[in-house]
N, C-alpha and C. Protein backbone atom coordinates (compact mmCIF):
# COMPACT_ATOMS: atom_id res chain seq x y z
N MET A 1 -2.94 -12.87 -17.46
CA MET A 1 -2.82 -13.29 -16.19
C MET A 1 -4.24 -13.26 -15.52
N SER A 2 -4.67 -14.27 -14.77
CA SER A 2 -5.90 -14.34 -14.15
C SER A 2 -5.66 -14.72 -12.71
N THR A 3 -6.42 -13.94 -11.93
CA THR A 3 -6.41 -14.18 -10.45
C THR A 3 -7.74 -14.41 -10.01
N THR A 4 -7.99 -15.15 -8.99
CA THR A 4 -9.27 -15.42 -8.46
C THR A 4 -9.21 -14.75 -7.03
N THR A 5 -10.26 -13.97 -6.82
CA THR A 5 -10.31 -13.32 -5.63
C THR A 5 -11.56 -13.77 -4.80
N ALA A 6 -11.32 -13.97 -3.49
CA ALA A 6 -12.48 -14.45 -2.70
C ALA A 6 -13.44 -13.23 -2.45
N HIS A 7 -14.67 -13.62 -2.24
CA HIS A 7 -15.61 -12.54 -1.84
C HIS A 7 -15.63 -12.45 -0.35
N GLN A 8 -14.94 -11.46 0.12
CA GLN A 8 -14.79 -11.23 1.58
C GLN A 8 -15.22 -9.76 1.96
N PRO A 9 -16.49 -9.57 2.18
CA PRO A 9 -17.00 -8.24 2.50
C PRO A 9 -16.35 -7.69 3.75
N HIS A 10 -15.91 -6.42 3.67
CA HIS A 10 -15.31 -5.66 4.71
C HIS A 10 -16.42 -5.12 5.51
N PRO A 11 -16.68 -5.68 6.84
CA PRO A 11 -17.85 -5.21 7.51
C PRO A 11 -17.73 -3.77 8.04
N ALA A 12 -18.95 -3.12 8.12
CA ALA A 12 -18.99 -1.83 8.66
C ALA A 12 -17.99 -0.84 8.00
N HIS A 13 -17.95 -0.82 6.71
CA HIS A 13 -16.99 0.08 6.10
C HIS A 13 -17.83 1.26 5.46
N PRO A 14 -17.96 2.40 6.26
CA PRO A 14 -18.79 3.53 5.81
C PRO A 14 -18.12 4.26 4.63
N HIS A 15 -16.86 4.24 4.40
CA HIS A 15 -16.22 5.06 3.40
C HIS A 15 -16.49 4.47 2.00
N THR A 16 -16.64 5.24 1.03
CA THR A 16 -16.90 4.79 -0.32
C THR A 16 -15.65 5.04 -1.14
N HIS A 17 -14.94 4.06 -1.60
CA HIS A 17 -13.78 4.13 -2.36
C HIS A 17 -14.08 4.46 -3.83
N ALA A 18 -13.33 5.37 -4.35
CA ALA A 18 -13.56 5.92 -5.73
C ALA A 18 -12.32 6.77 -5.99
N PRO A 19 -12.10 7.16 -7.33
CA PRO A 19 -11.09 7.98 -7.70
C PRO A 19 -11.28 9.32 -6.87
N GLY A 20 -10.05 9.74 -6.31
CA GLY A 20 -10.05 10.96 -5.59
C GLY A 20 -10.49 10.77 -4.14
N CYS A 21 -10.63 9.61 -3.61
CA CYS A 21 -11.17 9.41 -2.25
C CYS A 21 -10.04 9.49 -1.23
N GLY A 22 -8.83 9.68 -1.62
CA GLY A 22 -7.76 9.82 -0.67
C GLY A 22 -6.90 8.68 -0.34
N HIS A 23 -7.26 7.49 -0.92
CA HIS A 23 -6.56 6.32 -0.73
C HIS A 23 -5.75 5.94 -2.06
N VAL A 24 -4.61 5.28 -1.98
CA VAL A 24 -3.90 4.92 -3.16
C VAL A 24 -4.70 3.90 -3.97
N ALA A 25 -4.90 4.16 -5.25
CA ALA A 25 -5.61 3.27 -6.19
C ALA A 25 -4.59 2.49 -6.89
N ILE A 26 -4.89 1.11 -6.98
CA ILE A 26 -3.89 0.20 -7.61
C ILE A 26 -4.69 -0.68 -8.57
N PRO A 27 -4.38 -0.53 -9.95
CA PRO A 27 -5.03 -1.48 -10.90
C PRO A 27 -4.61 -2.96 -10.47
N HIS A 28 -5.66 -3.81 -10.48
CA HIS A 28 -5.54 -5.22 -10.13
C HIS A 28 -6.45 -6.10 -10.92
N GLY A 29 -5.82 -6.62 -11.99
CA GLY A 29 -6.79 -7.44 -12.81
C GLY A 29 -7.78 -6.73 -13.48
N ASP A 30 -9.02 -6.99 -13.16
CA ASP A 30 -10.20 -6.35 -13.91
C ASP A 30 -10.86 -5.34 -12.95
N HIS A 31 -10.16 -4.83 -11.87
CA HIS A 31 -10.76 -3.94 -10.97
C HIS A 31 -9.63 -3.06 -10.39
N ILE A 32 -10.02 -2.13 -9.43
CA ILE A 32 -9.10 -1.28 -8.78
C ILE A 32 -9.14 -1.60 -7.29
N ASP A 33 -7.92 -1.74 -6.71
CA ASP A 33 -7.83 -1.90 -5.22
C ASP A 33 -7.47 -0.62 -4.64
N TYR A 34 -7.92 -0.35 -3.41
CA TYR A 34 -7.65 0.87 -2.68
C TYR A 34 -6.85 0.42 -1.36
N ALA A 35 -5.72 0.98 -1.17
CA ALA A 35 -4.91 0.68 0.03
C ALA A 35 -5.57 1.35 1.22
N HIS A 36 -5.87 0.66 2.22
CA HIS A 36 -6.65 1.24 3.41
C HIS A 36 -6.33 0.50 4.63
N ASP A 37 -5.59 1.18 5.63
CA ASP A 37 -5.37 0.53 6.87
C ASP A 37 -4.62 -0.87 6.77
N GLY A 38 -3.65 -0.84 6.03
CA GLY A 38 -2.83 -2.07 5.88
C GLY A 38 -3.47 -3.25 5.05
N HIS A 39 -4.56 -3.01 4.42
CA HIS A 39 -5.02 -4.04 3.56
C HIS A 39 -5.69 -3.40 2.37
N LEU A 40 -6.25 -4.21 1.44
CA LEU A 40 -6.68 -3.74 0.14
C LEU A 40 -8.14 -3.94 -0.04
N HIS A 41 -8.79 -2.90 -0.39
CA HIS A 41 -10.28 -3.03 -0.59
C HIS A 41 -10.50 -2.91 -2.13
N ARG A 42 -11.59 -3.58 -2.50
CA ARG A 42 -12.07 -3.38 -3.89
C ARG A 42 -13.55 -3.23 -3.78
N VAL A 43 -14.07 -2.25 -4.62
CA VAL A 43 -15.47 -1.93 -4.70
C VAL A 43 -16.24 -3.11 -5.29
N HIS A 44 -17.36 -3.61 -4.69
CA HIS A 44 -18.17 -4.75 -5.11
C HIS A 44 -19.57 -4.42 -4.92
N GLU A 45 -20.25 -4.06 -5.93
CA GLU A 45 -21.69 -3.66 -5.78
C GLU A 45 -21.87 -2.56 -4.80
N ASP A 46 -22.51 -2.67 -3.67
CA ASP A 46 -22.75 -1.53 -2.73
C ASP A 46 -21.85 -1.56 -1.54
N HIS A 47 -20.72 -2.31 -1.56
CA HIS A 47 -19.93 -2.49 -0.46
C HIS A 47 -18.46 -2.68 -0.88
N ALA A 48 -17.51 -2.66 0.09
CA ALA A 48 -16.10 -2.95 -0.15
C ALA A 48 -15.67 -4.31 0.32
N ASP A 49 -14.92 -5.02 -0.52
CA ASP A 49 -14.40 -6.36 -0.16
C ASP A 49 -13.00 -6.28 0.07
N GLU A 50 -12.55 -7.14 0.99
CA GLU A 50 -11.03 -7.37 1.11
C GLU A 50 -10.61 -8.00 -0.17
N CYS A 51 -9.46 -7.51 -0.79
CA CYS A 51 -9.00 -7.98 -1.96
C CYS A 51 -7.84 -8.99 -1.62
N ALA A 52 -8.17 -10.31 -1.69
CA ALA A 52 -7.10 -11.35 -1.34
C ALA A 52 -7.22 -12.40 -2.44
N THR A 53 -6.14 -12.87 -3.00
CA THR A 53 -6.20 -13.87 -3.95
C THR A 53 -6.41 -15.30 -3.23
N THR A 54 -6.99 -16.17 -3.86
CA THR A 54 -7.32 -17.46 -3.26
C THR A 54 -6.32 -18.58 -3.67
N SER A 55 -5.19 -18.14 -4.31
CA SER A 55 -4.29 -19.10 -4.68
C SER A 55 -2.77 -18.57 -4.67
N HIS A 56 -1.78 -19.40 -4.59
CA HIS A 56 -0.42 -19.04 -4.64
C HIS A 56 0.05 -18.88 -6.15
N MET A 57 0.26 -17.66 -6.49
CA MET A 57 0.70 -17.45 -7.97
C MET A 57 1.99 -16.93 -8.00
N VAL A 58 3.07 -17.76 -8.39
CA VAL A 58 4.46 -17.42 -8.55
C VAL A 58 4.65 -16.54 -9.73
N HIS A 59 5.29 -15.49 -9.63
CA HIS A 59 5.69 -14.66 -10.87
C HIS A 59 7.04 -15.16 -11.40
N ASP A 60 6.89 -15.96 -12.42
CA ASP A 60 8.10 -16.52 -12.96
C ASP A 60 8.94 -15.51 -13.76
N GLY A 61 10.21 -15.72 -13.74
CA GLY A 61 11.10 -14.84 -14.45
C GLY A 61 11.20 -13.40 -14.01
N HIS A 62 10.92 -13.22 -12.72
CA HIS A 62 11.07 -11.83 -12.17
C HIS A 62 12.45 -11.58 -11.59
N GLU A 63 13.33 -10.97 -12.19
CA GLU A 63 14.69 -10.79 -11.75
C GLU A 63 14.82 -9.54 -10.99
N HIS A 64 13.99 -8.60 -11.16
CA HIS A 64 14.06 -7.22 -10.44
C HIS A 64 13.81 -7.54 -8.92
N ARG A 65 14.58 -6.93 -8.08
CA ARG A 65 14.51 -7.05 -6.67
C ARG A 65 13.70 -5.70 -6.13
N HIS A 66 12.52 -5.86 -5.62
CA HIS A 66 11.82 -4.74 -4.99
C HIS A 66 12.43 -4.47 -3.71
N GLY A 67 12.28 -3.11 -3.27
CA GLY A 67 12.79 -2.67 -2.00
C GLY A 67 12.69 -1.13 -2.02
N THR A 68 13.21 -0.65 -0.91
CA THR A 68 13.36 0.81 -0.82
C THR A 68 13.95 1.43 -1.99
N ASP A 69 13.37 2.45 -2.63
CA ASP A 69 13.93 3.15 -3.66
C ASP A 69 14.10 2.39 -5.03
N CYS A 70 13.25 1.24 -5.17
CA CYS A 70 13.31 0.47 -6.36
C CYS A 70 12.57 1.17 -7.55
N GLY A 71 11.78 2.23 -7.17
CA GLY A 71 11.10 2.83 -8.28
C GLY A 71 9.59 2.38 -8.30
N HIS A 72 9.15 1.45 -7.58
CA HIS A 72 7.78 0.96 -7.71
C HIS A 72 7.11 1.39 -6.41
N VAL A 73 5.69 1.60 -6.54
CA VAL A 73 4.90 1.96 -5.34
C VAL A 73 4.92 0.85 -4.36
N ALA A 74 5.24 1.08 -3.13
CA ALA A 74 5.20 0.12 -2.08
C ALA A 74 3.87 0.25 -1.34
N VAL A 75 3.11 -0.77 -1.10
CA VAL A 75 1.82 -0.78 -0.46
C VAL A 75 1.78 -1.87 0.67
N PRO A 76 1.75 -1.24 1.99
CA PRO A 76 1.63 -2.11 3.15
C PRO A 76 0.33 -3.15 2.96
N HIS A 77 0.55 -4.42 3.10
CA HIS A 77 -0.53 -5.31 2.87
C HIS A 77 -0.39 -6.45 3.94
N GLU A 78 -1.26 -6.35 4.98
CA GLU A 78 -1.26 -7.36 6.07
C GLU A 78 0.15 -7.44 6.64
N ASP A 79 0.86 -8.52 6.61
CA ASP A 79 2.14 -8.66 7.25
C ASP A 79 3.35 -8.49 6.35
N HIS A 80 3.14 -7.89 5.15
CA HIS A 80 4.26 -7.72 4.14
C HIS A 80 3.94 -6.49 3.44
N VAL A 81 4.76 -6.21 2.35
CA VAL A 81 4.68 -5.12 1.50
C VAL A 81 4.51 -5.65 0.02
N ASP A 82 3.51 -5.15 -0.63
CA ASP A 82 3.31 -5.42 -2.04
C ASP A 82 3.98 -4.34 -2.85
N TYR A 83 4.48 -4.55 -4.11
CA TYR A 83 4.97 -3.56 -4.83
C TYR A 83 4.23 -3.61 -6.24
N VAL A 84 3.68 -2.46 -6.65
CA VAL A 84 2.86 -2.28 -7.92
C VAL A 84 3.86 -2.27 -9.02
N HIS A 85 3.65 -3.29 -10.01
CA HIS A 85 4.63 -3.43 -11.16
C HIS A 85 3.75 -4.04 -12.26
N ASP A 86 3.82 -3.32 -13.39
CA ASP A 86 3.24 -3.83 -14.65
C ASP A 86 1.75 -4.15 -14.46
N GLY A 87 1.05 -3.36 -13.74
CA GLY A 87 -0.33 -3.58 -13.53
C GLY A 87 -0.80 -4.69 -12.61
N HIS A 88 0.12 -5.06 -11.75
CA HIS A 88 -0.36 -6.00 -10.67
C HIS A 88 0.62 -5.78 -9.59
N ARG A 89 0.41 -6.54 -8.48
CA ARG A 89 1.15 -6.36 -7.20
C ARG A 89 2.05 -7.55 -7.05
N HIS A 90 3.28 -7.26 -6.69
CA HIS A 90 4.28 -8.41 -6.28
C HIS A 90 4.57 -8.37 -4.73
N ALA A 91 4.72 -9.57 -4.20
CA ALA A 91 5.08 -9.66 -2.85
C ALA A 91 6.15 -10.72 -2.75
N GLN A 92 7.23 -10.51 -2.06
CA GLN A 92 8.27 -11.43 -1.86
C GLN A 92 7.69 -12.60 -1.07
N HIS A 93 8.08 -13.75 -1.47
CA HIS A 93 7.66 -15.10 -0.83
C HIS A 93 8.84 -16.06 -0.88
N GLY A 94 9.65 -16.05 0.15
CA GLY A 94 10.83 -16.87 0.07
C GLY A 94 11.81 -16.40 -0.89
N ASP A 95 12.31 -17.14 -1.86
CA ASP A 95 13.27 -16.69 -2.73
C ASP A 95 12.65 -16.35 -4.12
N HIS A 96 11.35 -16.07 -4.19
CA HIS A 96 10.65 -15.62 -5.39
C HIS A 96 9.58 -14.62 -5.13
N TRP A 97 9.00 -14.08 -6.22
CA TRP A 97 7.93 -13.11 -6.11
C TRP A 97 6.59 -13.66 -6.49
N ASP A 98 5.55 -13.38 -5.71
CA ASP A 98 4.21 -13.84 -6.03
C ASP A 98 3.43 -12.67 -6.65
N ASP A 99 2.44 -13.06 -7.57
CA ASP A 99 1.54 -12.10 -8.01
C ASP A 99 0.36 -12.08 -6.96
N HIS A 100 -0.05 -10.86 -6.53
CA HIS A 100 -1.12 -10.74 -5.63
C HIS A 100 -2.28 -10.09 -6.35
């Protein structure tokens, strides 16, 4: 699976994300996202970027319904909740799930 992420620096972010920093770490493609204040950050060189995909990526064949007590980590992300599943994040979109 390949996702393209936009380079969106998070301005004035004095905190350095790293293992043990206190934020939930989520594997995402070739990097780690950190859940912080309702959005996701990824470390990029000497700063943090907002981690947002640049395309709509439907997760085909996903019959599992995420929700309270589904067994997957729920991460607030902007105006919805992502669920960490099989090394990526799923978000409900209409009648299907998207890869984030």
